[in-house]
């Protein structure tokens, strides 16, 4: 039961939180970017796609990384997670756009399949990078603690290294 409460529950909770924050931040980013785009630039298919990819990808990457952020970690590790999340989400948004272009479009709904593909791709990829980073960090921490325990048992039995040599 300890494996479930110590490993599975935090993983599931962080995954749900990461997807929720990724979708919320991506939606807010898209609305803000759309308002800026309509105000200042001419609408062309290229500018709409670039805006959608960049706004949704950035929002989903930040949201996904915040779902997996360990607030007790150093700032550099948190920033690394956010940067990897944003880069992965931008890539996922581009892949989602390519996938959305191939989906059959019903009459009267142009662009919905592309937008849906961008959103899904960014949310999945924006969470995938922090998940991989968290799993690597968790396995590295476990490996280091196991290696330290087996190489220096005197550090974990309550005695100092100088006291271990005298007794």
Foldseek 3Di string as FASTA:
>chain_A
DCCCVVPVVLVVQLLVQLLVQLLVQLVVQLVVLVVVCVVPHDDDPVVNLVSSLQSSLLRSLQSLLVSLDDVVDDPVLSVVSSVQLSVQLSVQLVVLQVVLVPDDDDPPDPPPSNSVRSNVRSNVRSNVSSVVVVVVVVVVVVVVVVVCCVVCVCVPPPHDPVVVVVD
